[in-house]
């Protein structure tokens, strides 16, 4: 059995994964735009069903709203989360990570039972299962509690959004496989 303080690599062997603000903005933009455009189309169809035909001025207003609201809303959301985007550090000491808007967590390599990716594309999540809750060292600072999901027996699994992190989730999985070959 591995010791909790086991060092798995040289001291300068740290790899950092960060969420790109530009990628977060663009992803929020297209998601908000899709929802907003669908809502506007449904509103116009409802007006037509009720017998109220939109005028040319109304159509121009709807096009303006379709173009400006998603841009402004995505910018406001990004500004609110500007310094609180998710990150992950893989070093000889273990895995340090924080989901967007959450407090950081440290788990030593010996304390990780399993890691896995779920979902695809920009919504990819890294699931980290600790061996025991005693191995998890939550960090201080602002933000909500670390993002977890309960499994059988009430065990906590930690979740981190990695779909928009740079380098890509495939690089993250390769790094974790290098550090934990039997647990990925």
Protein backbone atom coordinates (compact mmCIF):
# COMPACT_ATOMS: atom_id res chain seq x y z
CA UNK A 1 0.00 0.00 0.00
CA UNK A 2 1.28 3.46 -0.89
CA UNK A 3 2.14 5.87 1.86
CA UNK A 4 0.21 9.16 1.97
CA UNK A 5 3.41 11.19 1.56
CA UNK A 6 4.73 9.16 -1.35
CA UNK A 7 6.37 11.46 -3.92
CA UNK A 8 5.57 10.57 -7.53
CA UNK A 9 8.02 12.60 -9.58
CA UNK A 10 10.54 15.43 -9.44
CA UNK A 11 9.77 18.64 -7.58
CA UNK A 12 9.40 20.73 -10.76
CA UNK A 13 6.95 18.29 -12.36
CA UNK A 14 3.79 20.40 -11.94
CA UNK A 15 1.19 20.59 -14.68
CA UNK A 16 -1.49 23.29 -14.46
CA UNK A 17 -4.86 23.19 -16.21
CA UNK A 18 -6.92 26.40 -16.36
CA UNK A 19 -10.28 27.36 -17.80
CA UNK A 20 -9.80 29.87 -20.57
CA UNK A 21 -11.97 32.96 -20.08
CA UNK A 22 -12.43 33.30 -23.84
CA UNK A 23 -13.61 29.70 -24.19
CA UNK A 24 -15.99 30.10 -21.24
CA UNK A 25 -17.41 33.30 -22.76
CA UNK A 26 -17.91 31.77 -26.22
CA UNK A 27 -19.54 28.65 -24.78
CA UNK A 28 -21.89 30.68 -22.60
CA UNK A 29 -22.63 32.90 -25.57
CA UNK A 30 -23.80 30.11 -27.85
CA UNK A 31 -25.80 28.39 -25.11
CA UNK A 32 -27.53 31.63 -24.10
CA UNK A 33 -28.08 32.58 -27.75
CA UNK A 34 -29.71 29.21 -28.50
CA UNK A 35 -32.07 29.50 -25.53
CA UNK A 36 -32.83 33.16 -26.16
CA UNK A 37 -33.50 32.71 -29.90
CA UNK A 38 -35.79 29.74 -29.17
CA UNK A 39 -37.68 31.83 -26.62
CA UNK A 40 -38.12 34.70 -29.08
CA UNK A 41 -39.38 32.35 -31.81
CA UNK A 42 -41.88 30.78 -29.40
CA UNK A 43 -43.03 34.25 -28.34
CA UNK A 44 -43.61 35.28 -31.97
CA UNK A 45 -45.48 32.01 -32.65
CA UNK A 46 -47.64 32.62 -29.58
CA UNK A 47 -48.45 36.13 -30.80
CA UNK A 48 -49.39 34.72 -34.19
CA UNK A 49 -51.57 32.03 -32.59
CA UNK A 50 -53.40 34.71 -30.60
CA UNK A 51 -54.04 36.70 -33.79
CA UNK A 52 -51.56 39.52 -33.10
CA UNK A 53 -49.37 39.86 -36.17
CA UNK A 54 -45.99 41.50 -35.39
CA UNK A 55 -45.25 44.71 -37.29
CA UNK A 56 -41.98 45.42 -39.09
CA UNK A 57 -40.83 47.43 -36.07
CA UNK A 58 -41.49 44.42 -33.84
CA UNK A 59 -39.45 42.14 -36.11
CA UNK A 60 -36.53 44.61 -36.05
CA UNK A 61 -36.76 44.77 -32.25
CA UNK A 62 -36.72 40.95 -31.99
CA UNK A 63 -33.64 40.72 -34.22
CA UNK A 64 -31.89 43.39 -32.13
CA UNK A 65 -32.78 41.50 -28.94
CA UNK A 66 -31.54 38.22 -30.46
CA UNK A 67 -28.18 39.84 -31.22
CA UNK A 68 -27.58 41.91 -28.08
CA UNK A 69 -29.06 40.07 -25.09
CA UNK A 70 -26.87 36.92 -25.33
CA UNK A 71 -23.68 39.01 -25.72
CA UNK A 72 -24.49 41.21 -22.74
CA UNK A 73 -25.71 38.37 -20.50
CA UNK A 74 -22.66 36.19 -21.23
CA UNK A 75 -20.38 39.17 -20.46
CA UNK A 76 -22.13 39.85 -17.13
CA UNK A 77 -21.88 36.18 -16.10
CA UNK A 78 -18.19 36.03 -17.05
CA UNK A 79 -17.43 39.22 -15.10
CA UNK A 80 -19.14 37.72 -12.04
CA UNK A 81 -16.92 34.62 -12.26
CA UNK A 82 -13.78 36.40 -13.54
CA UNK A 83 -11.30 35.27 -10.86
CA UNK A 84 -13.17 32.17 -9.80
CA UNK A 85 -12.97 29.91 -12.85
CA UNK A 86 -12.01 26.27 -12.35
CA UNK A 87 -8.40 25.04 -12.26
CA UNK A 88 -6.42 21.89 -11.55
CA UNK A 89 -2.76 21.34 -10.55
CA UNK A 90 -1.06 17.97 -10.83
CA UNK A 91 2.21 17.88 -8.89
CA UNK A 92 4.40 15.42 -7.06
CA UNK A 93 2.40 16.10 -3.90
CA UNK A 94 -1.00 15.21 -5.36
CA UNK A 95 -3.96 16.77 -7.07
CA UNK A 96 -5.13 20.29 -6.24
CA UNK A 97 -8.34 21.49 -7.88
CA UNK A 98 -11.30 23.84 -7.64
CA UNK A 99 -14.51 23.91 -9.64
CA UNK A 100 -15.79 27.29 -10.82
CA UNK A 101 -16.82 29.39 -7.82
CA UNK A 102 -15.82 26.68 -5.32
CA UNK A 103 -13.15 26.38 -2.65
CA UNK A 104 -10.02 24.39 -3.53
CA UNK A 105 -9.31 20.79 -2.52
CA UNK A 106 -6.04 18.86 -2.18
CA UNK A 107 -5.85 15.06 -2.38
CA UNK A 108 -2.47 13.27 -2.22
CA UNK A 109 -1.85 10.62 -4.89
CA UNK A 110 -2.14 7.80 -2.36
CA UNK A 111 -5.55 9.14 -1.36
CA UNK A 112 -7.08 8.83 -4.83
CA UNK A 113 -9.00 5.63 -5.48
CA UNK A 114 -10.18 6.42 -9.00
CA UNK A 115 -10.47 9.23 -11.57
CA UNK A 116 -12.69 9.28 -14.62
CA UNK A 117 -14.12 11.65 -17.20
CA UNK A 118 -17.83 11.88 -17.94
CA UNK A 119 -19.69 13.70 -20.70
CA UNK A 120 -17.99 15.19 -23.76
CA UNK A 121 -17.04 18.48 -25.27
CA UNK A 122 -17.30 21.69 -23.23
CA UNK A 123 -19.35 19.94 -20.55
CA UNK A 124 -16.72 17.28 -19.68
CA UNK A 125 -16.36 16.65 -15.95
CA UNK A 126 -13.54 15.00 -14.03
CA UNK A 127 -14.78 12.72 -11.25
CA UNK A 128 -12.24 12.14 -8.45
CA UNK A 129 -13.00 9.40 -5.93
CA UNK A 130 -10.89 9.58 -2.75
CA UNK A 131 -9.95 6.41 -0.87
CA UNK A 132 -11.33 7.92 2.32
CA UNK A 133 -12.59 11.32 3.45
CA UNK A 134 -9.51 11.62 5.69
CA UNK A 135 -7.31 12.06 2.60
CA UNK A 136 -9.25 15.13 1.40
CA UNK A 137 -7.84 18.48 2.51
CA UNK A 138 -10.30 21.29 1.72
CA UNK A 139 -8.77 24.72 1.27
CA UNK A 140 -9.92 27.99 2.70
CA UNK A 141 -10.94 31.19 1.05
CA UNK A 142 -14.04 32.52 -0.64
CA UNK A 143 -16.47 30.37 -2.53
CA UNK A 144 -18.94 27.62 -1.91
CA UNK A 145 -18.09 24.14 -0.70
CA UNK A 146 -16.31 21.85 -3.19
CA UNK A 147 -18.60 20.29 -5.78
CA UNK A 148 -19.42 16.71 -4.82
CA UNK A 149 -21.72 13.89 -5.78
CA UNK A 150 -22.74 11.11 -3.41
CA UNK A 151 -22.24 7.48 -4.39
CA UNK A 152 -23.19 4.18 -2.80
CA UNK A 153 -22.65 4.21 0.92
CA UNK A 154 -22.63 8.02 1.06
CA UNK A 155 -19.08 8.35 -0.34
CA UNK A 156 -18.30 11.73 -1.85
CA UNK A 157 -16.94 12.05 -5.38
CA UNK A 158 -15.42 15.41 -6.28
CA UNK A 159 -16.37 17.01 -9.62
CA UNK A 160 -14.42 19.54 -11.67
CA UNK A 161 -15.51 21.01 -15.02
CA UNK A 162 -12.58 20.31 -17.35
CA UNK A 163 -14.18 20.59 -20.79
CA UNK A 164 -12.95 24.13 -21.35
CA UNK A 165 -9.61 23.74 -19.60
CA UNK A 166 -6.38 24.27 -21.42
CA UNK A 167 -4.66 21.91 -22.18
CA UNK A 168 -7.55 19.71 -23.29
CA UNK A 169 -9.25 16.99 -21.19
CA UNK A 170 -7.38 14.32 -23.18
CA UNK A 171 -4.07 15.83 -21.98
CA UNK A 172 -5.42 15.88 -18.43
CA UNK A 173 -6.39 12.22 -18.69
CA UNK A 174 -2.91 11.36 -20.01
CA UNK A 175 -1.33 13.25 -17.09
CA UNK A 176 -3.51 11.43 -14.58
CA UNK A 177 -2.75 8.10 -16.26
CA UNK A 178 0.97 8.90 -15.93
CA UNK A 179 0.55 9.60 -12.19
CA UNK A 180 -2.05 6.90 -11.43
CA UNK A 181 -1.67 4.18 -14.08
CA UNK A 182 -3.97 1.68 -12.32
CA UNK A 183 -6.66 4.15 -11.25
CA UNK A 184 -7.67 5.94 -14.47
